Protein backbone atom coordinates (compact mmCIF):
# COMPACT_ATOMS: atom_id res chain seq x y z
CA MET A 1 -16.29 24.18 -32.72
CA ILE A 2 -19.12 24.59 -30.22
CA GLN A 3 -17.62 24.89 -26.73
CA LEU A 4 -19.38 25.39 -23.45
CA ALA A 5 -17.66 25.05 -20.08
CA THR A 6 -19.85 24.07 -17.18
CA HIS A 7 -18.95 24.09 -13.53
CA PHE A 8 -21.13 23.06 -10.65
CA SER A 9 -20.97 21.83 -7.08
CA TYR A 10 -23.29 19.72 -4.95
CA TYR A 11 -23.05 19.74 -1.20
CA GLN A 12 -21.40 16.56 0.07
CA THR A 13 -24.07 15.83 2.65
CA LYS A 14 -26.51 14.88 -0.10
CA SER A 15 -24.48 14.36 -3.26
CA TYR A 16 -23.40 10.86 -2.27
CA LYS A 17 -26.82 9.67 -1.19
CA SER A 18 -29.52 11.45 -3.13
CA ASN A 19 -31.04 9.93 -6.25
CA GLN A 20 -32.67 13.23 -7.11
CA ALA A 21 -30.94 16.09 -8.87
CA PHE A 22 -30.69 19.40 -7.06
CA LEU A 23 -32.54 22.34 -8.47
CA PRO A 24 -31.15 25.85 -7.89
CA SER A 25 -33.86 26.57 -5.31
CA GLU A 26 -33.02 23.36 -3.46
CA LEU A 27 -29.37 24.35 -3.33
CA ALA A 28 -30.23 27.72 -1.85
CA MET A 29 -32.50 26.15 0.75
CA ASP A 30 -29.84 23.61 1.64
CA GLN A 31 -27.10 26.10 2.51
CA PRO A 32 -28.03 26.68 6.20
CA HIS A 33 -28.25 22.93 6.77
CA ASN A 34 -24.77 22.38 5.36
CA HIS A 35 -23.36 25.29 7.35
CA SER A 36 -24.47 23.60 10.58
CA HIS A 37 -23.28 20.27 9.18
CA ASN A 38 -19.78 21.69 8.66
CA LEU A 39 -19.80 23.11 12.17
CA SER A 40 -20.83 19.77 13.67
CA LEU A 41 -18.09 17.93 11.77
CA ASN A 42 -15.57 20.52 12.91
CA GLN A 43 -16.70 19.99 16.50
CA ALA A 44 -16.51 16.20 16.08
CA PHE A 45 -12.84 16.46 15.10
CA THR A 46 -12.09 18.83 17.98
CA ILE A 47 -13.82 16.67 20.61
CA GLY A 48 -12.23 13.52 19.20
CA ILE A 49 -8.75 15.06 19.38
CA LEU A 50 -9.15 16.26 22.96
CA ILE A 51 -10.56 13.09 24.54
CA ASN A 52 -8.19 10.78 22.64
CA ALA A 53 -5.15 12.90 23.52
CA LEU A 54 -6.10 12.73 27.18
CA TYR A 55 -6.53 8.96 26.98
CA VAL A 56 -3.17 8.51 25.22
CA ILE A 57 -1.45 10.21 28.17
CA ILE A 58 -3.29 8.00 30.67
CA GLU A 59 -2.69 4.80 28.71
CA LEU A 60 0.99 5.53 28.09
CA MET A 61 1.64 6.26 31.76
CA ALA A 62 -0.21 3.12 32.80
CA GLY A 63 1.65 1.03 30.22
CA PHE A 64 5.05 2.06 31.51
CA TYR A 65 3.98 1.78 35.14
CA TYR A 66 2.60 -1.76 34.74
CA ASN A 67 5.16 -2.89 32.10
CA SER A 68 2.39 -3.66 29.60
CA LEU A 69 3.56 -3.67 25.99
CA SER A 70 -0.02 -4.03 24.79
CA LEU A 71 -0.99 -0.79 26.57
CA ILE A 72 2.09 1.01 25.28
CA SER A 73 1.42 -0.27 21.76
CA ASP A 74 -2.22 0.72 21.95
CA ALA A 75 -1.21 4.15 23.26
CA GLY A 76 1.09 4.52 20.26
CA HIS A 77 -1.76 3.53 17.99
CA ASN A 78 -4.08 6.02 19.67
CA LEU A 79 -1.41 8.72 19.40
CA THR A 80 -1.26 8.25 15.63
CA ASP A 81 -5.05 8.56 15.61
CA VAL A 82 -4.79 11.86 17.46
CA ALA A 83 -2.29 13.06 14.87
CA SER A 84 -4.56 11.77 12.10
CA LEU A 85 -7.55 13.60 13.52
CA ALA A 86 -5.52 16.79 13.87
CA LEU A 87 -4.27 16.58 10.28
CA ALA A 88 -7.75 15.73 9.03
CA LEU A 89 -9.17 18.75 10.88
CA LEU A 90 -6.50 20.92 9.28
CA ALA A 91 -7.36 19.54 5.84
CA PHE A 92 -11.08 19.99 6.53
CA ARG A 93 -10.49 23.67 7.28
CA LEU A 94 -8.13 24.17 4.37
CA ALA A 95 -10.78 22.70 2.07
CA LYS A 96 -13.02 25.65 3.01
CA VAL A 97 -10.42 28.23 1.94
CA LYS A 98 -11.51 30.05 -1.20
CA SER A 99 -9.68 29.52 -4.46
CA ASN A 100 -7.17 32.08 -5.69
CA ASP A 101 -4.99 32.83 -8.71
CA LYS A 102 -2.39 30.22 -7.75
CA PHE A 103 -4.74 27.51 -6.42
CA THR A 104 -7.84 27.64 -8.59
CA TYR A 105 -9.46 24.74 -6.71
CA GLY A 106 -8.46 26.20 -3.37
CA TYR A 107 -6.77 23.74 -1.00
CA ARG A 108 -9.23 20.88 -1.38
CA LYS A 109 -6.48 18.55 -2.58
CA SER A 110 -4.87 18.83 0.87
CA THR A 111 -7.52 16.42 2.18
CA ILE A 112 -6.10 13.71 -0.11
CA LEU A 113 -2.52 14.48 0.86
CA VAL A 114 -3.42 14.28 4.55
CA SER A 115 -5.01 10.85 4.02
CA LEU A 116 -1.80 9.63 2.46
CA ILE A 117 0.32 11.07 5.30
CA ASN A 118 -1.98 9.45 7.88
CA SER A 119 -1.53 6.02 6.36
CA VAL A 120 2.27 6.39 6.17
CA VAL A 121 2.40 7.48 9.84
CA LEU A 122 0.44 4.39 10.82
CA PHE A 123 2.84 2.14 8.92
CA VAL A 124 5.71 3.73 10.86
CA ALA A 125 3.84 2.95 14.08
CA ILE A 126 3.56 -0.69 12.99
CA GLY A 127 7.33 -0.87 12.65
CA GLY A 128 7.85 0.55 16.14
CA ILE A 129 5.43 -1.89 17.74
CA LEU A 130 6.99 -4.87 15.95
CA TRP A 131 10.46 -3.83 17.09
CA GLU A 132 9.40 -3.63 20.73
CA SER A 133 7.43 -6.88 20.47
CA PHE A 134 10.43 -8.85 19.28
CA SER A 135 12.55 -7.26 22.01
CA ARG A 136 10.11 -8.60 24.59
CA LEU A 137 10.59 -12.12 23.23
CA HIS A 138 14.10 -12.08 24.67
CA HIS A 139 13.25 -10.09 27.79
CA PRO A 140 9.80 -11.15 29.07
CA VAL A 141 8.30 -9.18 31.95
CA VAL A 142 5.63 -9.81 34.60
CA ILE A 143 2.36 -8.03 33.87
CA GLN A 144 -0.42 -6.95 36.28
CA GLY A 145 -3.50 -7.99 34.38
CA LEU A 146 -6.25 -6.22 36.32
CA PRO A 147 -4.97 -2.63 35.93
CA VAL A 148 -4.32 -3.34 32.25
CA SER A 149 -7.93 -4.45 31.79
CA ILE A 150 -9.30 -1.37 33.57
CA VAL A 151 -7.25 1.09 31.50
CA ALA A 152 -8.13 -0.73 28.26
CA GLY A 153 -11.80 -0.75 29.28
CA ILE A 154 -11.71 3.04 29.48
CA GLY A 155 -10.26 2.97 25.97
CA ILE A 156 -13.27 1.07 24.65
CA VAL A 157 -15.58 3.81 25.90
CA ILE A 158 -13.37 6.63 24.59
CA ASN A 159 -12.94 5.09 21.15
CA ALA A 160 -16.60 4.14 20.81
CA ILE A 161 -17.72 7.67 21.67
CA SER A 162 -15.17 9.16 19.26
CA ALA A 163 -16.18 6.81 16.43
CA PHE A 164 -19.84 7.66 16.95
CA LEU A 165 -19.00 11.34 16.31
CA PHE A 166 -18.02 10.44 12.74
CA PHE A 167 -20.58 7.72 12.02
CA ARG A 168 -22.98 9.94 10.05
CA ASP A 169 -20.30 11.31 7.69
CA LYS A 170 -18.06 8.26 7.29
CA ASP A 171 -19.31 7.52 3.75
CA ASN A 172 -18.97 11.10 2.51
CA ASP A 173 -15.28 11.82 3.00
CA LEU A 174 -12.12 9.69 2.94
CA ASN A 175 -10.59 11.45 5.95
CA VAL A 176 -13.75 11.03 8.01
CA LYS A 177 -13.91 7.38 6.97
CA GLY A 178 -10.29 6.94 7.97
CA ALA A 179 -10.95 8.50 11.38
CA TYR A 180 -14.00 6.29 11.91
CA LEU A 181 -12.17 3.09 10.91
CA HIS A 182 -9.19 3.89 13.11
CA LEU A 183 -11.35 4.58 16.14
CA MET A 184 -13.47 1.46 15.67
CA ALA A 185 -10.30 -0.60 15.26
CA ASP A 186 -8.98 0.94 18.47
CA ALA A 187 -12.15 -0.02 20.31
CA ALA A 188 -11.81 -3.61 19.10
CA VAL A 189 -8.15 -3.71 20.09
CA SER A 190 -8.96 -2.29 23.52
CA LEU A 191 -11.50 -5.07 23.99
CA GLY A 192 -8.80 -7.59 23.18
CA VAL A 193 -6.46 -5.98 25.71
CA VAL A 194 -9.21 -6.16 28.34
CA LEU A 195 -9.66 -9.87 27.72
CA SER A 196 -5.93 -10.57 27.74
CA GLY A 197 -5.58 -8.60 30.99
CA ILE A 198 -8.26 -10.70 32.63
CA LEU A 199 -6.58 -13.93 31.51
CA ILE A 200 -3.21 -12.66 32.74
CA PHE A 201 -4.74 -11.76 36.09
CA PHE A 202 -6.37 -15.14 36.69
CA PHE A 203 -4.01 -17.54 34.88
CA HIS A 204 -0.69 -15.60 34.78
CA LEU A 205 -0.40 -16.01 31.01
CA TYR A 206 2.06 -13.16 30.61
CA TRP A 207 2.83 -14.04 26.99
CA LEU A 208 -0.67 -12.85 26.08
CA ASP A 209 0.49 -9.26 26.43
CA LEU A 210 3.00 -9.82 23.64
CA VAL A 211 0.40 -11.62 21.53
CA MET A 212 -2.01 -8.71 21.89
CA SER A 213 0.66 -6.26 20.74
CA LEU A 214 1.06 -8.35 17.57
CA VAL A 215 -2.72 -8.46 17.11
CA ILE A 216 -2.73 -4.67 17.32
CA VAL A 217 -0.17 -4.59 14.51
CA LEU A 218 -2.43 -6.72 12.30
CA VAL A 219 -5.45 -4.55 13.05
CA ILE A 220 -3.56 -1.36 12.27
CA PHE A 221 -2.22 -2.81 9.02
CA TYR A 222 -5.62 -4.06 7.88
CA SER A 223 -7.39 -0.76 8.60
CA THR A 224 -4.58 1.27 7.03
CA TRP A 225 -3.84 -0.62 3.83
CA ASN A 226 -7.06 0.30 1.99
CA LEU A 227 -6.76 3.90 3.16
CA PHE A 228 -3.20 4.00 1.82
CA LYS A 229 -4.21 2.55 -1.56
CA ASP A 230 -7.19 4.89 -1.97
CA SER A 231 -5.30 8.03 -0.97
CA LEU A 232 -2.28 7.14 -3.15
CA SER A 233 -4.56 6.56 -6.12
CA LEU A 234 -6.27 9.92 -5.61
CA THR A 235 -2.90 11.64 -5.20
CA LEU A 236 -1.93 10.29 -8.64
CA ASP A 237 -5.28 11.53 -10.06
CA GLY A 238 -6.63 8.02 -10.41
CA VAL A 239 -10.36 7.49 -10.89
CA PRO A 240 -11.92 7.82 -7.41
CA LYS A 241 -13.18 4.67 -5.74
CA GLY A 242 -16.89 4.19 -6.41
CA ILE A 243 -16.75 5.93 -9.78
CA ASP A 244 -17.44 3.70 -12.79
CA LEU A 245 -16.49 5.38 -16.06
CA ASN A 246 -19.02 3.27 -17.96
CA GLU A 247 -21.74 4.53 -15.62
CA VAL A 248 -20.60 8.11 -16.17
CA VAL A 249 -20.76 7.68 -19.95
CA SER A 250 -24.18 6.00 -19.70
CA ALA A 251 -25.48 8.82 -17.50
CA ILE A 252 -24.42 11.41 -20.07
CA LYS A 253 -25.84 9.42 -22.98
CA LYS A 254 -29.22 9.28 -21.23
CA VAL A 255 -29.69 12.92 -22.09
CA ASP A 256 -31.66 13.55 -25.27
CA GLY A 257 -29.48 15.20 -27.90
CA VAL A 258 -26.24 13.50 -26.81
CA PHE A 259 -24.83 11.17 -29.47
CA ASP A 260 -21.53 10.12 -27.95
CA VAL A 261 -18.91 10.90 -25.31
CA HIS A 262 -15.12 10.77 -25.57
CA HIS A 263 -11.94 12.27 -24.09
CA LEU A 264 -13.42 11.52 -20.68
CA HIS A 265 -11.26 12.22 -17.61
CA VAL A 266 -12.35 11.87 -13.98
CA TRP A 267 -10.27 12.70 -10.92
CA ALA A 268 -10.70 13.81 -7.31
CA ILE A 269 -10.19 17.42 -6.24
CA SER A 270 -10.73 16.45 -2.60
CA THR A 271 -11.69 13.38 -0.60
CA SER A 272 -15.35 14.24 -1.09
CA GLN A 273 -15.58 15.98 -4.49
CA ASN A 274 -14.87 14.65 -7.97
CA ALA A 275 -14.19 16.50 -11.23
CA MET A 276 -14.61 15.55 -14.87
CA THR A 277 -13.77 16.80 -18.35
CA ALA A 278 -15.33 15.37 -21.51
CA HIS A 279 -16.09 16.01 -25.18
CA ILE A 280 -19.76 15.45 -25.97
CA ILE A 281 -20.91 14.95 -29.53
CA ILE A 282 -24.22 16.59 -30.46
CA GLN A 283 -26.09 17.24 -33.71
CA PRO A 284 -24.96 20.13 -35.95
CA ASN A 285 -26.60 23.56 -35.76
CA THR A 286 -27.73 23.11 -32.17
CA GLY A 287 -28.93 26.47 -30.89
CA LEU A 288 -27.83 28.21 -27.70
CA LYS A 289 -31.14 27.49 -26.00
CA GLN A 290 -30.81 23.78 -26.73
CA LEU A 291 -27.20 23.84 -25.49
CA ASN A 292 -28.31 25.33 -22.17
CA ILE A 293 -30.95 22.63 -21.79
CA LEU A 294 -28.36 19.94 -22.59
CA LYS A 295 -25.97 21.45 -20.07
CA LYS A 296 -28.61 21.48 -17.32
CA ASN A 297 -29.70 17.90 -17.98
CA ILE A 298 -26.13 16.61 -18.12
CA LYS A 299 -25.40 18.30 -14.79
CA GLN A 300 -28.32 16.53 -13.20
CA GLU A 301 -27.28 13.12 -14.53
CA LEU A 302 -23.65 13.61 -13.47
CA GLY A 303 -24.79 14.49 -9.96
CA HIS A 304 -26.31 11.01 -9.71
CA VAL A 305 -22.92 9.38 -10.33
CA ASN A 306 -20.95 11.56 -7.86
CA ILE A 307 -19.44 14.02 -10.34
CA HIS A 308 -19.50 17.43 -8.68
CA HIS A 309 -17.46 19.63 -11.02
CA ALA A 310 -17.46 19.29 -14.79
CA THR A 311 -15.94 20.98 -17.82
CA ILE A 312 -17.79 19.96 -20.96
CA GLU A 313 -16.92 20.62 -24.61
CA PHE A 314 -19.71 20.19 -27.13
CA GLU A 315 -18.82 19.26 -30.71
CA THR A 316 -20.36 17.68 -33.78
CA GLU A 317 -19.37 14.36 -35.33
CA GLU A 318 -17.73 16.21 -38.22
CA GLU A 319 -15.62 18.31 -35.86
CA ASN A 320 -14.62 15.19 -33.96
CA CYS A 321 -13.45 13.51 -37.17
CA MET A 322 -11.45 16.60 -38.15
CA ASP A 323 -9.75 16.62 -34.73
CA THR A 324 -8.99 12.89 -34.99
CA ASN A 325 -7.50 13.26 -38.46
CA SER A 326 -5.31 16.17 -37.41
CA ILE A 327 -3.99 14.16 -34.46
CA ASN A 328 -3.22 11.14 -36.65
CA LYS A 329 -1.23 13.16 -39.21
C-alpha cells in the first residue's frame, strides 16, 4: 500500500480569511507578522483583565452601597468575564507550548477545555443571579437611580474598550470570540442599567432594578449557550463549526490524480486549528514525484477549507477493495 503522511500548519491570522494557498516563501515572510500578532493578542487579554477587574470592584462596592441588584448582578457577570479572560489567556499561552512525547499536539486542546469551563461558569452565575432576584421579590428595596446610572455608564466605556481589543481576532479563535461576545453583551447590559437607573431616579420605579437583573440573566444565557454547544462539540471531537465535510471532499477531489476519498475524519486540535485524516485513492504505479505533487496540491486545497493539519494515506482502488473485503470477513 502506498502511504504518505503529510503534516502542515497555516498561521491563524490568514488561514481563516485567505482564498490563496500559502507558499513556503510566504510562510517564512509571514512569521514576524504573526509574532507581533501573538504579542498584541496577549496584551489585549492582559489589558482586558486589568481594567475589567478594577471595574468589578467598583461596581460591586457601588451595588452594595446603593442596594442595586442590577449592579451586583452585572458585577457578577463582569467577574465571570474576568475569570474567562484569565483562563483564555492561560489557554492562549499553553497553546504556544511545544509538543512533547506525552502531548504530541502540545497543549492546544486546552483552549477548547477552557471554552467549556467558561460557559459552565457563566451558567453558575445565572443561577446565582436568579436566586437573588427571586429573593428581592419578597424583600423589595429602595434604589438610588442616579448613582446606579453613573456606575453603569462607566461600565459601557470599559466593556466597549475591552471588546474593541478583540474585534480583529474574534473570527479566528473560539476563546477570543467568547471574550468579544461577553464584553459586548456586558456593554449592552450596562446600557440597560443606565436607562433603568434614570427611570428609577425620575419616576421611582424601583421594580425596574429587579427587571434589569432578569434581563441580564437572559443576555448571559443567550451569549453563553452557543459557546457551550460549540466547545462541548469540540471537546467530544465533533466536526468543528464552519467545516463542511462535503466541501472538504470536493476540495480534495479537485486535485488532478485524485479518484476518491474515504475514511475521512475531521476534528479540532485547538479553538483555531483543525486536523484531518483521510484515505485518498489514486491510480496504480504513481511515482514518488507525482505523489509529492499530489501532496502539495492537496495541502493547498485543504488550506482553503480551514484544515491546518492533515495525515493522508494514498492507496489504489484495488488496495481499497482488498481492505474492504478483509473488514467484511
